[in-house]
Amino acid sequence: MTIDEFIIKIYLMVDDYHKKIVTNRLRQGGYAPKLTDSDIITME
């Protein structure tokens, strides 16, 4: 498994888990974010 494949796999796992635990939007107003919460969590 290459590093790219590993990062993609981790991102998909984080995204699936995030969708299960967060059922509604956390942010209600303002500009639409350029990155999703899953993007930020994966980068951390």
N, C-alpha and C. Protein backbone atom coordinates (compact mmCIF):
# COMPACT_ATOMS: atom_id res chain seq x y z
N MET A 1 0.85 -1.17 0.00
CA MET A 1 0.00 0.00 0.00
C MET A 1 0.90 1.24 0.00
N THR A 2 0.65 2.12 -0.94
CA THR A 2 1.44 3.35 -1.01
C THR A 2 0.91 4.36 0.01
N ILE A 3 1.68 5.40 0.25
CA ILE A 3 1.26 6.44 1.20
C ILE A 3 -0.02 7.12 0.72
N ASP A 4 -0.16 7.30 -0.58
CA ASP A 4 -1.38 7.91 -1.13
C ASP A 4 -2.60 7.04 -0.84
N GLU A 5 -2.46 5.74 -1.06
CA GLU A 5 -3.56 4.82 -0.79
C GLU A 5 -3.91 4.80 0.70
N PHE A 6 -2.89 4.87 1.54
CA PHE A 6 -3.10 4.88 2.99
C PHE A 6 -3.88 6.13 3.41
N ILE A 7 -3.49 7.29 2.90
CA ILE A 7 -4.17 8.54 3.24
C ILE A 7 -5.62 8.51 2.77
N ILE A 8 -5.85 8.00 1.57
CA ILE A 8 -7.22 7.90 1.06
C ILE A 8 -8.05 6.96 1.93
N LYS A 9 -7.47 5.84 2.32
CA LYS A 9 -8.19 4.89 3.17
C LYS A 9 -8.55 5.52 4.52
N ILE A 10 -7.62 6.22 5.12
CA ILE A 10 -7.89 6.90 6.39
C ILE A 10 -8.97 7.95 6.22
N TYR A 11 -8.89 8.73 5.14
CA TYR A 11 -9.91 9.76 4.89
C TYR A 11 -11.30 9.13 4.78
N LEU A 12 -11.42 8.05 4.04
CA LEU A 12 -12.72 7.39 3.87
C LEU A 12 -13.25 6.84 5.20
N MET A 13 -12.36 6.31 6.02
CA MET A 13 -12.77 5.81 7.33
C MET A 13 -13.26 6.96 8.21
N VAL A 14 -12.52 8.06 8.23
CA VAL A 14 -12.91 9.23 9.02
C VAL A 14 -14.24 9.78 8.52
N ASP A 15 -14.40 9.89 7.22
CA ASP A 15 -15.63 10.43 6.64
C ASP A 15 -16.84 9.57 6.99
N ASP A 16 -16.71 8.26 6.87
CA ASP A 16 -17.81 7.35 7.22
C ASP A 16 -18.18 7.47 8.70
N TYR A 17 -17.17 7.48 9.57
CA TYR A 17 -17.43 7.57 11.00
C TYR A 17 -18.04 8.92 11.35
N HIS A 18 -17.54 9.99 10.75
CA HIS A 18 -18.07 11.34 11.01
C HIS A 18 -19.54 11.42 10.62
N LYS A 19 -19.91 10.84 9.51
CA LYS A 19 -21.32 10.85 9.07
C LYS A 19 -22.22 10.09 10.04
N LYS A 20 -21.67 9.06 10.70
CA LYS A 20 -22.46 8.29 11.67
C LYS A 20 -22.70 9.05 12.96
N ILE A 21 -21.70 9.81 13.42
CA ILE A 21 -21.83 10.46 14.73
C ILE A 21 -22.38 11.88 14.65
N VAL A 22 -22.24 12.55 13.53
CA VAL A 22 -22.75 13.92 13.38
C VAL A 22 -23.94 13.87 12.44
N THR A 23 -25.12 14.07 12.99
CA THR A 23 -26.33 13.93 12.18
C THR A 23 -26.85 15.25 11.62
N ASN A 24 -26.41 16.37 12.19
CA ASN A 24 -26.85 17.67 11.66
C ASN A 24 -25.65 18.60 11.51
N ARG A 25 -25.83 19.63 10.74
CA ARG A 25 -24.73 20.56 10.48
C ARG A 25 -24.35 21.29 11.76
N LEU A 26 -23.06 21.45 11.98
CA LEU A 26 -22.59 22.18 13.15
C LEU A 26 -22.61 23.68 12.90
N ARG A 27 -22.32 24.08 11.68
CA ARG A 27 -22.32 25.50 11.32
C ARG A 27 -23.63 25.84 10.64
N GLN A 28 -24.25 26.92 11.05
CA GLN A 28 -25.54 27.29 10.49
C GLN A 28 -25.48 28.50 9.58
N GLY A 29 -24.61 29.45 9.86
CA GLY A 29 -24.59 30.69 9.08
C GLY A 29 -23.22 30.98 8.51
N GLY A 30 -23.16 32.05 7.76
CA GLY A 30 -21.88 32.46 7.19
C GLY A 30 -21.60 31.79 5.85
N TYR A 31 -20.38 31.98 5.42
CA TYR A 31 -19.95 31.41 4.14
C TYR A 31 -19.83 29.89 4.23
N ALA A 32 -20.02 29.25 3.12
CA ALA A 32 -19.82 27.80 3.06
C ALA A 32 -18.33 27.50 3.20
N PRO A 33 -17.98 26.52 4.03
CA PRO A 33 -16.56 26.21 4.21
C PRO A 33 -15.95 25.59 2.95
N LYS A 34 -14.67 25.85 2.75
CA LYS A 34 -13.98 25.28 1.59
C LYS A 34 -13.56 23.84 1.86
N LEU A 35 -13.40 23.48 3.13
CA LEU A 35 -13.04 22.12 3.51
C LEU A 35 -14.13 21.55 4.40
N THR A 36 -14.36 20.26 4.29
CA THR A 36 -15.34 19.61 5.15
C THR A 36 -14.69 19.29 6.50
N ASP A 37 -15.52 18.96 7.48
CA ASP A 37 -14.99 18.57 8.78
C ASP A 37 -14.11 17.33 8.65
N SER A 38 -14.50 16.40 7.79
CA SER A 38 -13.70 15.19 7.57
C SER A 38 -12.33 15.52 6.99
N ASP A 39 -12.28 16.51 6.11
CA ASP A 39 -10.99 16.94 5.55
C ASP A 39 -10.07 17.42 6.66
N ILE A 40 -10.60 18.27 7.53
CA ILE A 40 -9.80 18.84 8.61
C ILE A 40 -9.34 17.77 9.59
N ILE A 41 -10.24 16.87 9.97
CA ILE A 41 -9.89 15.80 10.91
C ILE A 41 -8.79 14.93 10.33
N THR A 42 -8.88 14.60 9.06
CA THR A 42 -7.87 13.75 8.42
C THR A 42 -6.52 14.45 8.37
N MET A 43 -6.52 15.74 8.10
CA MET A 43 -5.25 16.48 8.03
C MET A 43 -4.58 16.59 9.39
N GLU A 44 -5.37 16.63 10.46
CA GLU A 44 -4.81 16.74 11.80
C GLU A 44 -4.09 15.46 12.14
